[in-house]
C-alpha cells in the first residue's frame, strides 16, 4: 500500500513533543527527519499508520521508511514555504512512479498537519499529522541513557508504558528497565547516522529480537523514535524520549577554609555548586547531626547555611543534587570551635606562679601548665585544682599540668619556714659546723666582714654525723663569720 511521506503525531504524542508557540513554516526541511501519522486516506493509500520521511542532508533526495503499515519508497522532493504557517511539498516517488502534492499547515515551527492528493495518477488523497526532528543526532549513544514514554505500538512491542534504555560508555550492549508494562530486556546494538537529525539503531533484543529503531532528535536531549519489527508485518512502536543526565554535579565548601578555627558557636557554611544541566539543591550537615537544605540567591552558583558548633573539631559536609537526581560526592571540611572560659588562680602564702593565667580566657579542652615558686622563707606545699573553689584535687609537684574546663580554679599553697640554726663547736684546732638533717638544700658560706661581703662558698658537701649535717673547718685568723644559705 502506498503512503504520503510526511510525519504524523496526534493525541498524546503530539502533546508530549516540543511545542513552539509561534507557528512558523520553515524555509527548508533539508536534513530534518519527519515523523508522519496517517489519519485518513483513499485506497490504496493507507488511512492509518506511521512512516518516517528522511530528506538527505543536501540536495532533494529522500527515503520513506514505512513503520506501519506503509511500505518503503524513495525519490526526490521539493518544498516551498507558502505563508507564515503554511508550506507545500511535491514528492516524486521513483519507486512506485507516483507524484504527490502535499499542503502543510504548521502549528509550530516543527509540527502540524497535512492533506495531500496524487497528481499522477490523479484522484487519491491522504491526511495526517507530522513532527519534524530539527536537532542534530549525536555521533554515538555510548554512555547515554534515554527515558522513553510509549505512545503507540503493536506486538511484540508494548503499546504503552515507560522504560529507560542505557548504553554503557564502551562496548555495544544495552539494558532496558521497564515499568512492568514494558518488559526488562537487554541485547546488542549498532548505531548509524541517517541524516543530520535522525539515526538508526539496530537492536538484537532479548525480548523483541531484531528491531530497527529510527531515532529523531528535536534537541540534544529530547526527541522521538519509531521502531519496526522486520520479521513481522505489523509490529511497531512510537515513543518520545528524553536523554537522562548521568553527569554528577559538583559541590565545594568555601568556608570554613582548611584548618580554620573560630570562637563563635554559630557559623555560616558557604560554597559553590555546578552541573551541566542545573542544580536542584545543596545539602549540608555538621558532625553527622542531620542534613539540611542550603539557601541560594543565584540558582546555586553560591550556597550557604548556618550550623551550631560543638567545642573542638566539627566535621562540615555538603553534597549537591542536580535536576536529574544525580548526586555529587560529599565534600568535607574540618572546623575547630575554640570555646574559651576564664581561669581563676590564687596564691596562698608567698610565692609566684608562672605563667600567671589568672583572669585570662583559655581554650576549653586544651592542655596548659603552670609552675609555682616559693618566696624567700617560704616553701611550696601543693596545688589544689577545683571547680568554683569547691572540693578539689591536690598535686605536690610545683609544675602543674591541666586541661582547661569551665569554672576551673587553681590555688598554689606556700608555707613560711623558720630560719635554720647553724651550730658551731670547737674541736681542737677545728671548728665543727652542723645543722639538722631536716633542713635540706642548704650550704655553708663564710666571710670576715658583714659589710664588706665577699662570702666564700667553697665548702665541701656536708656529711651526716649523729643525725646532723656536719662540716669541719680549720680555725683561722681573722675571725670568720658563717651562715647557711639555700641557693
Protein backbone atom coordinates (compact mmCIF):
# COMPACT_ATOMS: atom_id res chain seq x y z
CA UNK A 1 0.00 0.00 0.00
CA UNK A 2 1.22 3.44 -0.85
CA UNK A 3 1.57 6.37 1.56
CA UNK A 4 2.20 10.09 1.59
CA UNK A 5 5.51 10.80 3.21
CA UNK A 6 5.43 13.34 5.97
CA UNK A 7 5.08 12.52 9.58
CA UNK A 8 2.16 12.09 11.91
CA UNK A 9 1.73 12.89 15.53
CA UNK A 10 -1.65 13.14 17.25
CA UNK A 11 -3.17 12.66 20.62
CA UNK A 12 -0.66 12.01 23.41
CA UNK A 13 2.41 12.02 21.19
CA UNK A 14 1.50 15.41 19.77
CA UNK A 15 1.16 16.75 23.31
CA UNK A 16 4.44 15.26 24.51
CA UNK A 17 6.66 16.58 21.76
CA UNK A 18 8.33 20.02 22.00
CA UNK A 19 5.98 22.86 21.01
CA UNK A 20 6.87 26.35 19.79
CA UNK A 21 4.15 28.91 20.42
CA UNK A 22 4.66 30.90 17.22
CA UNK A 23 3.63 28.88 14.17
CA UNK A 24 6.32 29.44 11.58
CA UNK A 25 6.78 27.47 8.39
CA UNK A 26 10.47 26.60 7.98
CA UNK A 27 12.37 27.78 4.93
CA UNK A 28 13.79 24.29 4.35
CA UNK A 29 13.40 20.72 5.58
CA UNK A 30 16.81 19.51 4.37
CA UNK A 31 18.23 17.02 6.85
CA UNK A 32 15.11 17.03 9.04
CA UNK A 33 13.76 13.62 9.95
CA UNK A 34 9.94 13.89 9.77
CA UNK A 35 7.64 11.58 11.74
CA UNK A 36 4.26 11.12 9.98
CA UNK A 37 0.94 9.80 11.26
CA UNK A 38 -1.74 8.94 8.71
CA UNK A 39 -5.31 9.68 9.77
CA UNK A 40 -7.33 9.17 6.59
CA UNK A 41 -6.81 8.13 3.01
CA UNK A 42 -8.38 6.52 -0.05
CA UNK A 43 -7.18 3.06 -1.07
CA UNK A 44 -4.61 2.04 -1.99
CA UNK A 45 -3.25 4.81 0.29
CA UNK A 46 -3.26 3.91 3.99
CA UNK A 47 -5.81 5.54 6.27
CA UNK A 48 -3.93 4.74 9.47
CA UNK A 49 -0.28 4.21 10.22
CA UNK A 50 3.17 5.73 10.63
CA UNK A 51 6.20 6.42 8.48
CA UNK A 52 9.39 8.43 8.51
CA UNK A 53 10.28 10.88 5.77
CA UNK A 54 14.08 11.28 5.66
CA UNK A 55 15.38 14.01 3.34
CA UNK A 56 19.10 13.96 2.62
CA UNK A 57 21.45 16.47 4.25
CA UNK A 58 21.88 18.17 0.88
CA UNK A 59 20.10 18.08 -2.46
CA UNK A 60 16.48 16.94 -2.88
CA UNK A 61 16.64 13.16 -2.43
CA UNK A 62 14.61 11.39 0.25
CA UNK A 63 13.79 7.98 1.70
CA UNK A 64 10.41 6.99 3.09
CA UNK A 65 10.51 4.32 5.82
CA UNK A 66 7.09 2.76 6.35
CA UNK A 67 6.74 1.90 10.03
CA UNK A 68 3.18 0.57 9.98
CA UNK A 69 1.68 -0.48 7.62
CA UNK A 70 3.03 1.74 4.84
CA UNK A 71 5.76 0.47 2.55
CA UNK A 72 9.08 1.98 1.58
CA UNK A 73 10.00 4.15 -1.33
CA UNK A 74 12.35 6.89 -2.39
CA UNK A 75 12.80 9.66 -4.90
CA UNK A 76 13.04 13.43 -4.99
CA UNK A 77 11.05 16.25 -3.44
CA UNK A 78 10.60 19.99 -3.46
CA UNK A 79 9.44 22.20 -0.60
CA UNK A 80 8.28 25.84 -0.51
CA UNK A 81 7.04 27.96 2.39
CA UNK A 82 3.83 29.50 1.07
CA UNK A 83 2.93 31.60 4.12
CA UNK A 84 3.88 32.27 7.72
CA UNK A 85 2.43 28.93 8.79
CA UNK A 86 1.89 27.09 5.51
CA UNK A 87 4.05 25.22 3.06
CA UNK A 88 3.80 22.98 0.03
CA UNK A 89 5.77 19.90 -0.93
CA UNK A 90 5.82 17.83 -4.10
CA UNK A 91 7.07 14.29 -3.79
CA UNK A 92 8.21 12.27 -6.79
CA UNK A 93 8.12 8.62 -5.79
CA UNK A 94 10.51 6.98 -8.22
CA UNK A 95 9.95 3.57 -6.60
CA UNK A 96 6.23 3.39 -7.39
CA UNK A 97 6.00 6.11 -10.06
CA UNK A 98 3.61 8.30 -8.05
CA UNK A 99 3.67 12.10 -7.65
CA UNK A 100 2.05 13.69 -4.57
CA UNK A 101 1.10 17.28 -3.80
CA UNK A 102 1.17 17.97 -0.05
CA UNK A 103 -0.29 21.08 1.57
CA UNK A 104 1.22 21.64 5.02
CA UNK A 105 -0.15 23.70 7.93
CA UNK A 106 2.28 24.37 10.82
CA UNK A 107 1.03 24.67 14.39
CA UNK A 108 4.63 25.34 15.42
CA UNK A 109 7.96 25.50 13.69
CA UNK A 110 8.27 21.70 13.93
CA UNK A 111 4.78 20.20 13.78
CA UNK A 112 1.39 20.44 12.15
CA UNK A 113 -0.95 18.63 9.75
CA UNK A 114 -1.11 17.89 6.05
CA UNK A 115 -3.50 16.94 3.32
CA UNK A 116 -2.29 15.51 0.06
CA UNK A 117 -3.54 14.44 -3.34
CA UNK A 118 -1.94 12.42 -6.06
CA UNK A 119 -1.01 14.29 -9.23
CA UNK A 120 -0.04 11.14 -11.07
CA UNK A 121 -2.09 9.03 -11.04
CA UNK A 122 -4.79 11.52 -10.01
CA UNK A 123 -7.76 11.01 -7.71
CA UNK A 124 -6.33 9.82 -4.40
CA UNK A 125 -5.97 11.73 -1.14
CA UNK A 126 -4.44 11.31 2.29
CA UNK A 127 -4.41 13.39 5.52
CA UNK A 128 -2.43 13.26 8.71
CA UNK A 129 -0.10 14.99 11.17
CA UNK A 130 3.65 15.44 11.25
CA UNK A 131 6.52 16.37 13.55
CA UNK A 132 10.00 17.29 12.34
CA UNK A 133 13.19 16.40 14.21
CA UNK A 134 15.27 19.54 13.73
CA UNK A 135 18.13 18.79 16.13
CA UNK A 136 21.44 17.08 15.46
CA UNK A 137 21.82 13.36 16.06
CA UNK A 138 24.88 12.53 18.22
CA UNK A 139 27.74 10.62 16.67
CA UNK A 140 27.33 7.92 19.31
CA UNK A 141 24.92 6.89 22.04
CA UNK A 142 27.66 5.31 24.17
CA UNK A 143 27.30 6.46 27.75
CA UNK A 144 23.75 7.77 27.21
CA UNK A 145 20.52 6.78 28.97
CA UNK A 146 17.14 7.51 27.37
CA UNK A 147 13.90 7.79 29.33
CA UNK A 148 11.13 6.73 26.94
CA UNK A 149 7.34 7.16 27.01
CA UNK A 150 5.48 4.81 24.66
CA UNK A 151 2.62 6.39 22.68
CA UNK A 152 1.51 3.53 20.44
CA UNK A 153 2.57 0.04 19.45
CA UNK A 154 1.68 -3.47 18.36
CA UNK A 155 3.07 -6.88 19.36
CA UNK A 156 5.85 -7.76 20.03
CA UNK A 157 6.18 -4.20 21.32
CA UNK A 158 4.30 -2.70 24.27
CA UNK A 159 1.52 -0.25 23.24
CA UNK A 160 2.11 2.00 26.29
CA UNK A 161 4.31 2.36 29.35
CA UNK A 162 7.65 3.83 30.27
CA UNK A 163 11.19 2.50 30.28
CA UNK A 164 14.83 3.51 30.40
CA UNK A 165 17.39 2.20 27.92
CA UNK A 166 21.03 2.58 28.98
CA UNK A 167 24.10 2.30 26.73
CA UNK A 168 27.43 1.74 28.55
CA UNK A 169 30.34 4.02 27.74
CA UNK A 170 32.12 1.17 25.95
CA UNK A 171 31.10 -1.93 24.01
CA UNK A 172 27.87 -2.48 22.05
CA UNK A 173 25.48 -3.73 24.73
CA UNK A 174 22.45 -2.09 26.32
CA UNK A 175 19.88 -2.76 29.03
CA UNK A 176 16.19 -1.85 29.24
CA UNK A 177 14.48 -1.32 32.60
CA UNK A 178 10.73 -1.24 32.14
CA UNK A 179 7.79 -0.26 34.33
CA UNK A 180 6.02 -3.62 34.13
CA UNK A 181 4.03 -2.68 31.05
CA UNK A 182 7.32 -2.55 29.18
CA UNK A 183 9.40 -5.64 29.97
CA UNK A 184 13.02 -5.59 31.08
CA UNK A 185 15.40 -6.68 28.36
CA UNK A 186 18.97 -6.45 27.10
CA UNK A 187 20.96 -7.00 23.96
CA UNK A 188 23.49 -5.66 21.49
CA UNK A 189 23.20 -2.73 19.09
CA UNK A 190 24.72 -0.89 16.19
CA UNK A 191 24.24 2.84 15.59
CA UNK A 192 24.46 4.85 12.36
CA UNK A 193 23.52 8.34 11.22
CA UNK A 194 20.71 8.58 8.63
CA UNK A 195 20.72 12.34 8.15
CA UNK A 196 21.52 15.37 10.29
CA UNK A 197 18.73 14.84 12.83
CA UNK A 198 17.99 11.13 12.56
CA UNK A 199 19.89 7.95 13.39
CA UNK A 200 19.21 4.24 13.07
CA UNK A 201 19.59 1.84 15.99
CA UNK A 202 19.71 -1.82 15.00
CA UNK A 203 18.89 -3.85 18.11
CA UNK A 204 19.21 -7.56 18.80
CA UNK A 205 16.86 -7.61 21.79
CA UNK A 206 16.29 -10.43 24.26
CA UNK A 207 12.50 -9.84 24.12
CA UNK A 208 11.65 -8.44 20.68
CA UNK A 209 14.54 -9.91 18.68
CA UNK A 210 15.90 -7.99 15.68
CA UNK A 211 14.49 -4.45 15.79
CA UNK A 212 15.07 -1.31 13.71
CA UNK A 213 14.65 1.97 15.61
CA UNK A 214 14.64 5.32 13.79
CA UNK A 215 15.58 7.99 16.32
CA UNK A 216 14.91 11.68 15.64
CA UNK A 217 16.46 14.37 17.86
CA UNK A 218 14.50 17.59 18.31
CA UNK A 219 17.21 18.87 20.67
CA UNK A 220 20.39 17.41 22.10
CA UNK A 221 18.36 15.97 24.99
CA UNK A 222 14.92 15.07 23.56
CA UNK A 223 13.12 13.63 20.58
CA UNK A 224 11.06 10.66 19.40
CA UNK A 225 11.58 7.31 17.76
CA UNK A 226 9.71 4.86 15.55
CA UNK A 227 10.56 1.17 15.87
CA UNK A 228 9.67 -1.60 13.44
CA UNK A 229 9.94 -5.36 13.62
CA UNK A 230 11.39 -6.65 10.32
CA UNK A 231 10.27 -10.24 10.87
CA UNK A 232 6.60 -9.31 11.33
CA UNK A 233 4.32 -7.24 9.13
CA UNK A 234 2.66 -5.35 11.96
CA UNK A 235 4.99 -4.94 14.94
CA UNK A 236 5.82 -1.29 15.66
CA UNK A 237 6.27 1.20 18.48
CA UNK A 238 6.15 5.01 18.63
CA UNK A 239 7.68 6.80 21.62
CA UNK A 240 9.07 10.09 22.80
CA UNK A 241 12.29 10.21 24.80
CA UNK A 242 14.49 12.46 26.86
CA UNK A 243 18.22 11.98 27.32
CA UNK A 244 18.91 11.47 31.00
CA UNK A 245 21.68 13.47 32.52
CA UNK A 246 24.15 10.98 34.02
CA UNK A 247 26.88 13.51 34.84
CA UNK A 248 27.03 14.09 38.59
CA UNK A 249 27.12 17.67 39.86
CA UNK A 250 29.93 19.13 41.93
CA UNK A 251 29.96 20.95 45.24
CA UNK A 252 32.74 22.80 47.05
CA UNK A 253 32.98 24.28 50.54
CA UNK A 254 34.48 27.78 50.54
CA UNK A 255 34.02 28.50 54.25
CA UNK A 256 35.28 27.18 56.56
CA UNK A 257 38.70 27.20 54.97
CA UNK A 258 41.11 24.34 55.57
CA UNK A 259 42.22 24.26 59.22
CA UNK A 260 40.04 27.23 60.20
CA UNK A 261 39.35 27.93 63.88
CA UNK A 262 36.53 30.08 65.21
CA UNK A 263 35.27 31.27 68.58
CA UNK A 264 31.56 31.69 67.75
CA UNK A 265 29.15 28.81 68.31
CA UNK A 266 27.06 29.71 65.22
CA UNK A 267 28.93 29.59 61.91
CA UNK A 268 27.77 30.24 58.32
CA UNK A 269 28.95 27.49 55.99
CA UNK A 270 29.13 28.51 52.30
CA UNK A 271 30.32 27.18 48.98
CA UNK A 272 29.62 26.69 45.28
CA UNK A 273 27.84 24.05 43.16
CA UNK A 274 27.91 23.37 39.42
CA UNK A 275 26.25 20.98 36.97
CA UNK A 276 25.90 20.66 33.21
CA UNK A 277 22.08 20.64 33.40
CA UNK A 278 21.33 22.56 36.60
CA UNK A 279 21.42 22.13 40.39
CA UNK A 280 18.23 21.18 42.22
CA UNK A 281 19.50 21.53 45.81
CA UNK A 282 22.55 21.54 48.08
CA UNK A 283 22.54 19.73 51.43
CA UNK A 284 24.90 20.25 54.37
CA UNK A 285 25.40 18.94 57.89
CA UNK A 286 27.76 19.26 60.85
CA UNK A 287 29.25 16.22 62.60
CA UNK A 288 26.53 13.84 61.38
CA UNK A 289 23.69 15.73 63.10
CA UNK A 290 21.39 15.56 60.04
CA UNK A 291 21.25 17.01 56.53
CA UNK A 292 19.79 20.47 55.94
CA UNK A 293 18.84 22.21 52.69
CA UNK A 294 21.10 25.18 51.97
CA UNK A 295 19.88 28.52 50.64
CA UNK A 296 20.87 30.32 47.45
CA UNK A 297 20.25 33.67 45.80
CA UNK A 298 21.77 32.85 42.37
CA UNK A 299 20.48 29.40 41.39
CA UNK A 300 23.05 27.51 43.46
CA UNK A 301 26.14 29.09 41.96
CA UNK A 302 26.68 30.09 45.60
CA UNK A 303 25.03 28.49 48.62
CA UNK A 304 25.12 28.91 52.39
CA UNK A 305 23.69 27.62 55.65
CA UNK A 306 24.13 28.09 59.40
CA UNK A 307 25.45 25.42 61.78
CA UNK A 308 25.71 25.27 65.55
CA UNK A 309 29.15 24.07 66.60
CA UNK A 310 30.34 21.89 69.44
CA UNK A 311 33.63 22.58 71.25
CA UNK A 312 36.57 21.05 69.40
CA UNK A 313 36.66 19.66 65.85
CA UNK A 314 33.42 19.89 63.85
CA UNK A 315 33.14 17.96 60.56
CA UNK A 316 31.30 20.02 57.92
CA UNK A 317 29.90 18.01 54.96
CA UNK A 318 27.97 19.03 51.85
CA UNK A 319 26.66 17.48 48.63
CA UNK A 320 24.56 18.66 45.69
CA UNK A 321 21.73 17.09 43.66
CA UNK A 322 21.08 18.04 40.04
CA UNK A 323 17.80 18.21 38.15
CA UNK A 324 18.19 14.57 37.06
CA UNK A 325 18.68 13.44 40.68
CA UNK A 326 22.38 12.74 40.23
CA UNK A 327 24.30 13.42 43.43
CA UNK A 328 27.79 14.79 43.85
CA UNK A 329 30.48 13.24 46.02
CA UNK A 330 30.34 14.54 49.59
CA UNK A 331 32.74 17.41 50.29
CA UNK A 332 34.25 17.61 53.76
CA UNK A 333 35.94 20.33 55.78
CA UNK A 334 37.03 20.39 59.45
CA UNK A 335 36.24 23.44 61.57
CA UNK A 336 37.66 23.81 65.07
CA UNK A 337 35.40 25.64 67.52
CA UNK A 338 37.56 27.33 70.15
CA UNK A 339 35.39 27.58 73.27
CA UNK A 340 37.07 29.77 75.89
CA UNK A 341 36.50 30.40 79.58
CA UNK A 342 38.26 32.47 82.27
CA UNK A 343 40.53 30.73 84.75
CA UNK A 344 40.99 31.82 88.37
CA UNK A 345 44.35 31.30 90.09
CA UNK A 346 45.08 32.42 93.63
CA UNK A 347 48.16 32.19 95.83
CA UNK A 348 48.02 31.20 99.48
CA UNK A 349 51.22 32.27 101.17
CA UNK A 350 54.14 33.98 99.49
CA UNK A 351 55.32 32.91 96.05
CA UNK A 352 54.75 33.32 92.34
CA UNK A 353 53.01 31.41 89.56
CA UNK A 354 54.40 31.35 86.04
CA UNK A 355 52.82 31.94 83.62
CA UNK A 356 50.17 33.72 85.58
CA UNK A 357 46.94 32.94 83.67
CA UNK A 358 44.69 34.37 86.39
CA UNK A 359 41.66 36.04 84.78
CA UNK A 360 42.69 35.12 81.23
CA UNK A 361 40.43 33.40 78.66
CA UNK A 362 41.81 29.93 77.93
CA UNK A 363 40.66 27.43 75.32
CA UNK A 364 38.48 24.69 76.79
CA UNK A 365 39.90 21.24 76.14
CA UNK A 366 43.46 22.47 75.58
CA UNK A 367 46.37 21.45 77.84
CA UNK A 368 48.33 24.04 79.83
CA UNK A 369 50.91 24.03 82.64
CA UNK A 370 51.90 26.44 85.42
CA UNK A 371 54.83 26.42 87.84
CA UNK A 372 54.79 27.64 91.43
CA UNK A 373 57.92 29.18 93.03
CA UNK A 374 58.18 29.99 96.73
CA UNK A 375 59.39 33.36 98.01
CA UNK A 376 62.34 33.51 100.47
CA UNK A 377 61.49 31.93 103.83
CA UNK A 378 58.56 30.10 102.20
CA UNK A 379 58.24 26.64 100.75
CA UNK A 380 55.73 25.33 98.17
CA UNK A 381 53.41 22.68 99.57
CA UNK A 382 50.79 21.82 96.93
CA UNK A 383 48.32 22.82 94.24
CA UNK A 384 44.56 22.47 94.73
CA UNK A 385 42.60 22.01 91.47
CA UNK A 386 38.85 22.63 91.85
CA UNK A 387 35.67 23.92 90.24
CA UNK A 388 34.49 27.27 91.57
CA UNK A 389 36.73 26.70 94.62
CA UNK A 390 34.63 23.72 95.68
CA UNK A 391 36.38 20.48 96.64
CA UNK A 392 39.44 19.79 94.59
CA UNK A 393 42.36 17.53 93.85
CA UNK A 394 45.85 18.20 95.25
CA UNK A 395 49.18 17.93 93.46
CA UNK A 396 52.54 18.17 95.27
CA UNK A 397 54.59 18.97 92.16
CA UNK A 398 55.46 22.66 91.69
CA UNK A 399 54.69 22.28 87.96
CA UNK A 400 51.02 21.53 87.37
CA UNK A 401 49.64 20.29 84.05
CA UNK A 402 45.90 20.72 83.48
CA UNK A 403 43.24 20.58 80.76
CA UNK A 404 41.15 23.74 80.66
CA UNK A 405 37.48 23.43 81.54
CA UNK A 406 34.68 25.78 82.53
CA UNK A 407 34.86 27.33 86.03
CA UNK A 408 38.35 25.94 86.66
CA UNK A 409 40.05 27.30 89.80
CA UNK A 410 43.67 26.72 90.92
CA UNK A 411 45.31 27.52 94.24
CA UNK A 412 49.06 27.45 94.92
CA UNK A 413 49.87 26.96 98.60
CA UNK A 414 53.10 28.14 100.25
CA UNK A 415 54.04 27.95 103.95
CA UNK A 416 56.53 30.03 105.88
CA UNK A 417 59.53 28.20 107.29
CA UNK A 418 61.64 29.18 110.36
CA UNK A 419 65.28 30.14 109.63
CA UNK A 420 67.56 27.15 110.10
CA UNK A 421 70.01 27.16 113.07
CA UNK A 422 73.70 26.70 112.35
CA UNK A 423 75.66 25.36 115.33
CA UNK A 424 79.40 25.89 115.83
CA UNK A 425 81.66 23.87 118.17
CA UNK A 426 85.45 23.99 118.66
CA UNK A 427 87.22 20.72 118.30
CA UNK A 428 90.93 21.21 118.81
CA UNK A 429 92.17 23.47 116.02
CA UNK A 430 88.96 23.00 114.02
CA UNK A 431 85.52 24.44 114.13
CA UNK A 432 82.65 21.99 113.56
CA UNK A 433 79.58 23.41 111.76
CA UNK A 434 76.32 21.41 111.96
CA UNK A 435 72.57 21.70 111.36
CA UNK A 436 69.56 19.37 111.43
CA UNK A 437 69.13 16.96 108.53
CA UNK A 438 65.51 18.10 108.04
CA UNK A 439 66.94 21.36 106.70
CA UNK A 440 67.70 20.30 103.14
CA UNK A 441 69.21 22.09 100.21
CA UNK A 442 71.37 24.45 102.23
CA UNK A 443 75.08 25.11 102.03
CA UNK A 444 77.68 26.92 104.18
CA UNK A 445 79.14 30.32 103.31
CA UNK A 446 81.76 32.36 105.26
CA UNK A 447 83.06 35.92 105.33
CA UNK A 448 85.32 38.07 107.56
CA UNK A 449 83.08 41.13 107.49
CA UNK A 450 79.32 41.56 107.04
CA UNK A 451 79.76 44.93 105.47
CA UNK A 452 82.44 44.03 103.00
CA UNK A 453 80.63 40.93 101.76
CA UNK A 454 82.70 38.52 99.69
CA UNK A 455 81.05 35.40 101.04
CA UNK A 456 83.07 32.28 100.39
CA UNK A 457 81.04 29.36 99.06
CA UNK A 458 83.95 26.98 98.59
CA UNK A 459 82.95 24.38 101.15
CA UNK A 460 82.62 20.65 100.78
CA UNK A 461 79.30 18.87 100.92
CA UNK A 462 78.22 18.06 104.48
CA UNK A 463 78.35 14.60 105.96
CA UNK A 464 75.82 13.21 108.39
CA UNK A 465 77.18 12.70 111.92
CA UNK A 466 74.88 11.75 114.77
CA UNK A 467 71.81 12.76 112.75
CA UNK A 468 73.11 16.18 111.76
CA UNK A 469 74.73 17.66 108.66
CA UNK A 470 78.38 18.38 109.59
CA UNK A 471 81.29 20.30 108.05
CA UNK A 472 84.68 20.51 109.81
CA UNK A 473 86.81 23.57 109.03
CA UNK A 474 90.25 24.70 110.43
CA UNK A 475 90.27 27.71 112.76
CA UNK A 476 92.00 30.63 111.06
CA UNK A 477 92.64 34.30 111.61
CA UNK A 478 90.99 36.74 111.22
CA UNK A 479 87.70 35.72 112.70
CA UNK A 480 85.21 34.17 110.24
CA UNK A 481 81.51 34.60 110.12
CA UNK A 482 79.43 31.60 108.97
CA UNK A 483 75.87 31.28 107.60
CA UNK A 484 73.53 28.76 105.98
CA UNK A 485 72.24 29.69 102.53
CA UNK A 486 69.81 27.94 100.24
CA UNK A 487 70.75 28.59 96.63
